[in-house]
Amino acid sequence: MTQSRKEVIYSKGGQVHSSPIPQGVKAAGLLFLSAIRGVDPKTQKVETDDPEAQARQIFENLKAALASADATLEDVVKVAVYMKDIRDRSAFNKAWADYFPKDPPARFAVQVADMGAAGDKSRILVDVTAVAP
């Protein structure tokens, strides 16, 4: 029997995805983390419309997902940012600067029409690639 070359990651204390979506996958020395939103881990809902508050919760959920794979924000190498309204970029950047004060990862941001969760207050989600420790 061959051993899988990938490991599925499920975070503790962060955002929980609906089945069958894991928080991420570890493969080839990298972590690929799935659609992280500003979901409150206690309610599993986006509780605010404020884009900066959502961004801060996103980064807390990202930290939880990374910790599940023994990684930290310092291991993040690329962040794809999807925004319901690209004008939220300045609010997102305020949180970004606090969570990545030096040597930030590569990043891009785009506006999208559908955030993928009907009735959800999500304004922002991120897709993250990190180095696996």
N, C-alpha and C. Protein backbone atom coordinates (compact mmCIF):
# COMPACT_ATOMS: atom_id res chain seq x y z
N MET A 1 0.84 -1.17 0.00
CA MET A 1 0.00 0.00 0.00
C MET A 1 0.89 1.24 0.00
N THR A 2 0.62 2.20 -0.86
CA THR A 2 1.42 3.41 -0.93
C THR A 2 0.85 4.47 0.00
N GLN A 3 1.74 5.29 0.53
CA GLN A 3 1.34 6.37 1.41
C GLN A 3 0.94 7.58 0.56
N SER A 4 -0.12 8.27 0.95
CA SER A 4 -0.57 9.45 0.23
C SER A 4 0.50 10.53 0.26
N ARG A 5 0.63 11.27 -0.82
CA ARG A 5 1.59 12.35 -0.88
C ARG A 5 0.97 13.66 -0.45
N LYS A 6 -0.23 13.60 0.06
CA LYS A 6 -0.87 14.80 0.57
C LYS A 6 -1.55 14.50 1.90
N GLU A 7 -1.69 15.54 2.70
CA GLU A 7 -2.34 15.42 4.01
C GLU A 7 -3.43 16.48 4.08
N VAL A 8 -4.62 16.09 4.43
CA VAL A 8 -5.73 17.03 4.56
C VAL A 8 -5.66 17.68 5.94
N ILE A 9 -5.86 18.99 5.99
CA ILE A 9 -5.75 19.78 7.23
C ILE A 9 -7.14 20.22 7.67
N TYR A 10 -7.46 19.98 8.93
CA TYR A 10 -8.69 20.49 9.54
C TYR A 10 -8.26 21.29 10.76
N SER A 11 -8.62 22.58 10.79
CA SER A 11 -8.17 23.43 11.89
C SER A 11 -9.04 23.26 13.12
N LYS A 12 -8.43 23.59 14.25
CA LYS A 12 -9.13 23.59 15.53
C LYS A 12 -9.25 25.05 15.98
N GLY A 13 -10.45 25.47 16.30
CA GLY A 13 -10.63 26.81 16.84
C GLY A 13 -10.82 27.89 15.79
N GLY A 14 -10.96 27.54 14.54
CA GLY A 14 -11.16 28.53 13.49
C GLY A 14 -12.42 28.25 12.72
N GLN A 15 -12.40 28.70 11.50
CA GLN A 15 -13.53 28.50 10.60
C GLN A 15 -13.66 27.03 10.24
N VAL A 16 -14.89 26.54 10.24
CA VAL A 16 -15.16 25.17 9.83
C VAL A 16 -15.86 25.24 8.47
N HIS A 17 -15.30 24.56 7.48
CA HIS A 17 -15.94 24.50 6.17
C HIS A 17 -17.01 23.43 6.16
N SER A 18 -17.98 23.61 5.30
CA SER A 18 -18.98 22.56 5.14
C SER A 18 -18.33 21.39 4.42
N SER A 19 -18.80 20.22 4.73
CA SER A 19 -18.27 19.02 4.09
C SER A 19 -18.56 19.12 2.60
N PRO A 20 -17.72 18.73 1.76
CA PRO A 20 -16.48 17.98 1.92
C PRO A 20 -15.23 18.85 1.80
N ILE A 21 -15.30 20.14 2.17
CA ILE A 21 -14.18 21.05 1.97
C ILE A 21 -13.30 21.11 3.22
N PRO A 22 -12.03 20.71 3.12
CA PRO A 22 -11.12 20.84 4.27
C PRO A 22 -10.60 22.27 4.37
N GLN A 23 -10.01 22.60 5.51
CA GLN A 23 -9.38 23.92 5.65
C GLN A 23 -8.17 24.02 4.73
N GLY A 24 -7.56 22.90 4.43
CA GLY A 24 -6.41 22.94 3.54
C GLY A 24 -5.84 21.58 3.25
N VAL A 25 -4.78 21.62 2.45
CA VAL A 25 -4.07 20.40 2.07
C VAL A 25 -2.57 20.71 2.15
N LYS A 26 -1.84 19.76 2.70
CA LYS A 26 -0.38 19.85 2.78
C LYS A 26 0.18 18.89 1.73
N ALA A 27 1.01 19.41 0.82
CA ALA A 27 1.59 18.58 -0.23
C ALA A 27 2.85 19.27 -0.77
N ALA A 28 3.82 18.48 -1.15
CA ALA A 28 5.04 18.97 -1.79
C ALA A 28 5.71 20.09 -1.00
N GLY A 29 5.65 20.00 0.32
CA GLY A 29 6.31 20.99 1.16
C GLY A 29 5.56 22.30 1.29
N LEU A 30 4.30 22.33 0.83
CA LEU A 30 3.49 23.54 0.89
C LEU A 30 2.15 23.26 1.55
N LEU A 31 1.53 24.32 2.06
CA LEU A 31 0.17 24.27 2.58
C LEU A 31 -0.71 25.10 1.65
N PHE A 32 -1.83 24.54 1.25
CA PHE A 32 -2.80 25.24 0.42
C PHE A 32 -4.07 25.35 1.25
N LEU A 33 -4.41 26.58 1.67
CA LEU A 33 -5.54 26.77 2.58
C LEU A 33 -6.75 27.30 1.83
N SER A 34 -7.90 26.72 2.11
CA SER A 34 -9.13 26.97 1.37
C SER A 34 -9.94 28.14 1.91
N ALA A 35 -10.40 28.99 1.02
CA ALA A 35 -11.40 30.03 1.25
C ALA A 35 -11.63 30.41 2.72
N ILE A 36 -10.74 31.20 3.25
CA ILE A 36 -10.85 31.62 4.64
C ILE A 36 -11.63 32.93 4.69
N ARG A 37 -12.69 32.93 5.46
CA ARG A 37 -13.58 34.09 5.60
C ARG A 37 -13.50 34.65 7.01
N GLY A 38 -14.19 35.74 7.23
CA GLY A 38 -14.25 36.36 8.56
C GLY A 38 -15.31 35.74 9.44
N VAL A 39 -15.33 34.43 9.49
CA VAL A 39 -16.31 33.67 10.27
C VAL A 39 -15.90 33.65 11.74
N ASP A 40 -16.85 33.96 12.61
CA ASP A 40 -16.62 33.84 14.05
C ASP A 40 -16.59 32.35 14.38
N PRO A 41 -15.50 31.85 14.99
CA PRO A 41 -15.42 30.42 15.27
C PRO A 41 -16.49 29.90 16.23
N LYS A 42 -17.05 30.79 17.06
CA LYS A 42 -18.07 30.36 18.01
C LYS A 42 -19.42 30.15 17.33
N THR A 43 -19.76 31.01 16.38
CA THR A 43 -21.07 30.94 15.73
C THR A 43 -21.00 30.34 14.33
N GLN A 44 -19.80 30.28 13.76
CA GLN A 44 -19.58 29.85 12.38
C GLN A 44 -20.36 30.71 11.39
N LYS A 45 -20.50 32.00 11.74
CA LYS A 45 -21.14 32.97 10.86
C LYS A 45 -20.29 34.23 10.79
N VAL A 46 -20.41 34.96 9.70
CA VAL A 46 -19.80 36.28 9.59
C VAL A 46 -20.74 37.22 10.33
N GLU A 47 -20.25 37.80 11.42
CA GLU A 47 -21.11 38.57 12.31
C GLU A 47 -21.18 40.05 12.00
N THR A 48 -20.31 40.57 11.14
CA THR A 48 -20.25 42.00 10.88
C THR A 48 -20.15 42.29 9.39
N ASP A 49 -20.63 43.46 9.02
CA ASP A 49 -20.48 43.93 7.64
C ASP A 49 -19.19 44.74 7.48
N ASP A 50 -18.52 45.06 8.57
CA ASP A 50 -17.33 45.91 8.54
C ASP A 50 -16.15 45.17 7.90
N PRO A 51 -15.62 45.68 6.78
CA PRO A 51 -14.56 44.95 6.09
C PRO A 51 -13.26 44.81 6.89
N GLU A 52 -12.91 45.82 7.69
CA GLU A 52 -11.68 45.70 8.49
C GLU A 52 -11.86 44.64 9.58
N ALA A 53 -13.01 44.62 10.23
CA ALA A 53 -13.29 43.59 11.25
C ALA A 53 -13.30 42.20 10.61
N GLN A 54 -13.87 42.09 9.41
CA GLN A 54 -13.84 40.80 8.72
C GLN A 54 -12.41 40.39 8.40
N ALA A 55 -11.60 41.35 7.96
CA ALA A 55 -10.20 41.04 7.64
C ALA A 55 -9.46 40.54 8.88
N ARG A 56 -9.67 41.19 10.00
CA ARG A 56 -9.00 40.77 11.24
C ARG A 56 -9.43 39.36 11.64
N GLN A 57 -10.71 39.05 11.49
CA GLN A 57 -11.18 37.70 11.80
C GLN A 57 -10.62 36.69 10.81
N ILE A 58 -10.49 37.10 9.55
CA ILE A 58 -9.87 36.23 8.54
C ILE A 58 -8.47 35.85 9.00
N PHE A 59 -7.70 36.82 9.45
CA PHE A 59 -6.32 36.54 9.85
C PHE A 59 -6.27 35.67 11.12
N GLU A 60 -7.23 35.84 12.02
CA GLU A 60 -7.28 34.96 13.19
C GLU A 60 -7.62 33.53 12.75
N ASN A 61 -8.56 33.39 11.81
CA ASN A 61 -8.90 32.06 11.29
C ASN A 61 -7.73 31.46 10.52
N LEU A 62 -6.99 32.30 9.81
CA LEU A 62 -5.80 31.84 9.10
C LEU A 62 -4.76 31.32 10.09
N LYS A 63 -4.55 32.06 11.18
CA LYS A 63 -3.60 31.61 12.20
C LYS A 63 -4.00 30.24 12.76
N ALA A 64 -5.29 30.02 12.99
CA ALA A 64 -5.76 28.72 13.51
C ALA A 64 -5.53 27.62 12.50
N ALA A 65 -5.81 27.88 11.23
CA ALA A 65 -5.59 26.87 10.19
C ALA A 65 -4.10 26.55 10.06
N LEU A 66 -3.27 27.57 10.08
CA LEU A 66 -1.82 27.36 10.00
C LEU A 66 -1.32 26.56 11.20
N ALA A 67 -1.80 26.88 12.40
CA ALA A 67 -1.37 26.19 13.61
C ALA A 67 -1.69 24.70 13.54
N SER A 68 -2.79 24.35 12.88
CA SER A 68 -3.15 22.94 12.73
C SER A 68 -2.13 22.16 11.92
N ALA A 69 -1.32 22.90 11.15
CA ALA A 69 -0.27 22.27 10.36
C ALA A 69 1.11 22.67 10.89
N ASP A 70 1.16 23.14 12.14
CA ASP A 70 2.40 23.57 12.80
C ASP A 70 3.10 24.70 12.04
N ALA A 71 2.32 25.59 11.43
CA ALA A 71 2.86 26.73 10.70
C ALA A 71 2.37 28.03 11.35
N THR A 72 2.95 29.14 10.92
CA THR A 72 2.57 30.46 11.42
C THR A 72 2.42 31.42 10.24
N LEU A 73 2.01 32.64 10.54
CA LEU A 73 1.90 33.65 9.50
C LEU A 73 3.23 33.88 8.78
N GLU A 74 4.34 33.67 9.47
CA GLU A 74 5.65 33.84 8.84
C GLU A 74 5.90 32.83 7.73
N ASP A 75 5.14 31.74 7.69
CA ASP A 75 5.29 30.72 6.65
C ASP A 75 4.47 31.03 5.40
N VAL A 76 3.61 32.04 5.46
CA VAL A 76 2.74 32.38 4.33
C VAL A 76 3.57 33.01 3.22
N VAL A 77 3.40 32.50 1.99
CA VAL A 77 4.18 33.02 0.85
C VAL A 77 3.30 33.70 -0.19
N LYS A 78 2.00 33.38 -0.23
CA LYS A 78 1.11 33.97 -1.25
C LYS A 78 -0.30 34.03 -0.71
N VAL A 79 -0.95 35.17 -0.93
CA VAL A 79 -2.34 35.35 -0.52
C VAL A 79 -3.13 35.89 -1.70
N ALA A 80 -4.18 35.19 -2.06
CA ALA A 80 -5.13 35.67 -3.05
C ALA A 80 -6.33 36.22 -2.29
N VAL A 81 -6.68 37.47 -2.56
CA VAL A 81 -7.76 38.14 -1.85
C VAL A 81 -8.92 38.36 -2.82
N TYR A 82 -10.09 37.91 -2.41
CA TYR A 82 -11.30 38.08 -3.21
C TYR A 82 -12.24 38.98 -2.43
N MET A 83 -12.66 40.09 -3.06
CA MET A 83 -13.49 41.08 -2.38
C MET A 83 -14.80 41.29 -3.13
N LYS A 84 -15.85 41.42 -2.36
CA LYS A 84 -17.15 41.74 -2.95
C LYS A 84 -17.10 43.15 -3.55
N ASP A 85 -16.34 44.05 -2.90
CA ASP A 85 -16.18 45.42 -3.37
C ASP A 85 -14.71 45.80 -3.22
N ILE A 86 -14.03 46.03 -4.31
CA ILE A 86 -12.59 46.32 -4.29
C ILE A 86 -12.28 47.58 -3.47
N ARG A 87 -13.28 48.41 -3.24
CA ARG A 87 -13.05 49.60 -2.40
C ARG A 87 -12.80 49.23 -0.94
N ASP A 88 -13.02 47.97 -0.56
CA ASP A 88 -12.69 47.50 0.79
C ASP A 88 -11.18 47.27 0.96
N ARG A 89 -10.43 47.45 -0.10
CA ARG A 89 -8.99 47.17 -0.05
C ARG A 89 -8.27 47.98 1.02
N SER A 90 -8.60 49.27 1.21
CA SER A 90 -7.90 50.07 2.22
C SER A 90 -8.19 49.54 3.63
N ALA A 91 -9.42 49.12 3.91
CA ALA A 91 -9.74 48.54 5.22
C ALA A 91 -8.98 47.23 5.41
N PHE A 92 -8.92 46.42 4.36
CA PHE A 92 -8.18 45.16 4.42
C PHE A 92 -6.69 45.44 4.67
N ASN A 93 -6.16 46.45 4.00
CA ASN A 93 -4.74 46.78 4.15
C ASN A 93 -4.36 47.19 5.57
N LYS A 94 -5.28 47.81 6.30
CA LYS A 94 -5.02 48.17 7.70
C LYS A 94 -4.76 46.91 8.52
N ALA A 95 -5.61 45.92 8.36
CA ALA A 95 -5.43 44.66 9.09
C ALA A 95 -4.18 43.94 8.58
N TRP A 96 -3.99 43.91 7.28
CA TRP A 96 -2.82 43.26 6.66
C TRP A 96 -1.53 43.77 7.28
N ALA A 97 -1.42 45.09 7.41
CA ALA A 97 -0.20 45.70 7.95
C ALA A 97 0.05 45.27 9.40
N ASP A 98 -1.00 45.05 10.16
CA ASP A 98 -0.84 44.60 11.55
C ASP A 98 -0.42 43.13 11.63
N TYR A 99 -0.95 42.29 10.75
CA TYR A 99 -0.65 40.86 10.79
C TYR A 99 0.63 40.50 10.04
N PHE A 100 1.02 41.34 9.08
CA PHE A 100 2.27 41.12 8.33
C PHE A 100 3.11 42.39 8.39
N PRO A 101 3.65 42.73 9.59
CA PRO A 101 4.36 43.99 9.75
C PRO A 101 5.70 44.06 9.01
N LYS A 102 6.30 42.90 8.71
CA LYS A 102 7.55 42.90 7.95
C LYS A 102 7.59 41.66 7.07
N ASP A 103 8.29 41.77 5.97
CA ASP A 103 8.42 40.67 5.01
C ASP A 103 7.08 40.02 4.68
N PRO A 104 6.10 40.80 4.20
CA PRO A 104 4.79 40.22 3.89
C PRO A 104 4.86 39.28 2.69
N PRO A 105 3.87 38.40 2.58
CA PRO A 105 3.82 37.49 1.44
C PRO A 105 3.38 38.23 0.17
N ALA A 106 3.58 37.57 -0.96
CA ALA A 106 3.05 38.09 -2.22
C ALA A 106 1.53 38.07 -2.13
N ARG A 107 0.91 38.95 -2.92
CA ARG A 107 -0.54 39.07 -2.78
C ARG A 107 -1.15 39.68 -4.03
N PHE A 108 -2.39 39.30 -4.30
CA PHE A 108 -3.19 40.02 -5.27
C PHE A 108 -4.61 40.11 -4.75
N ALA A 109 -5.37 41.08 -5.24
CA ALA A 109 -6.76 41.24 -4.83
C ALA A 109 -7.62 41.50 -6.06
N VAL A 110 -8.77 40.87 -6.09
CA VAL A 110 -9.72 41.08 -7.17
C VAL A 110 -11.13 41.20 -6.60
N GLN A 111 -11.97 41.88 -7.34
CA GLN A 111 -13.39 41.97 -6.99
C GLN A 111 -14.12 40.83 -7.67
N VAL A 112 -15.02 40.20 -6.91
CA VAL A 112 -15.82 39.10 -7.46
C VAL A 112 -17.30 39.35 -7.19
N ALA A 113 -18.12 38.84 -8.07
CA ALA A 113 -19.56 39.06 -7.94
C ALA A 113 -20.20 38.14 -6.90
N ASP A 114 -19.68 36.93 -6.76
CA ASP A 114 -20.30 35.94 -5.90
C ASP A 114 -19.30 35.45 -4.85
N MET A 115 -19.60 35.68 -3.58
CA MET A 115 -18.71 35.24 -2.51
C MET A 115 -18.97 33.78 -2.14
N GLY A 116 -19.97 33.17 -2.74
CA GLY A 116 -20.16 31.73 -2.59
C GLY A 116 -20.97 31.27 -1.40
N ALA A 117 -21.50 32.17 -0.59
CA ALA A 117 -22.29 31.76 0.56
C ALA A 117 -23.58 32.58 0.58
N ALA A 118 -24.64 32.00 0.12
CA ALA A 118 -25.92 32.71 0.04
C ALA A 118 -26.35 33.25 1.40
N GLY A 119 -26.69 34.53 1.43
CA GLY A 119 -27.17 35.14 2.67
C GLY A 119 -26.07 35.48 3.65
N ASP A 120 -24.85 35.20 3.34
CA ASP A 120 -23.71 35.45 4.21
C ASP A 120 -23.30 36.92 4.10
N LYS A 121 -22.76 37.49 5.16
CA LYS A 121 -22.28 38.87 5.14
C LYS A 121 -20.85 38.99 4.61
N SER A 122 -20.28 37.91 4.16
CA SER A 122 -18.88 37.93 3.70
C SER A 122 -18.64 38.99 2.64
N ARG A 123 -17.63 39.80 2.88
CA ARG A 123 -17.19 40.80 1.92
C ARG A 123 -15.82 40.44 1.35
N ILE A 124 -15.10 39.59 2.10
CA ILE A 124 -13.72 39.26 1.75
C ILE A 124 -13.48 37.78 2.05
N LEU A 125 -12.70 37.13 1.20
CA LEU A 125 -12.17 35.81 1.54
C LEU A 125 -10.77 35.72 0.96
N VAL A 126 -9.96 34.86 1.57
CA VAL A 126 -8.59 34.68 1.10
C VAL A 126 -8.32 33.21 0.84
N ASP A 127 -7.43 33.00 -0.10
CA ASP A 127 -6.91 31.69 -0.46
C ASP A 127 -5.40 31.80 -0.24
N VAL A 128 -4.83 30.92 0.54
CA VAL A 128 -3.46 31.11 1.03
C VAL A 128 -2.56 29.93 0.70
N THR A 129 -1.33 30.24 0.33
CA THR A 129 -0.28 29.24 0.17
C THR A 129 0.83 29.56 1.17
N ALA A 130 1.27 28.54 1.89
CA ALA A 130 2.33 28.71 2.89
C ALA A 130 3.33 27.57 2.76
N VAL A 131 4.52 27.81 3.28
CA VAL A 131 5.53 26.77 3.35
C VAL A 131 5.16 25.85 4.52
N ALA A 132 5.19 24.56 4.30
CA ALA A 132 4.89 23.60 5.36
C ALA A 132 6.16 23.35 6.17
N PRO A 133 6.09 23.54 7.49
CA PRO A 133 7.28 23.29 8.32
C PRO A 133 7.66 21.81 8.37
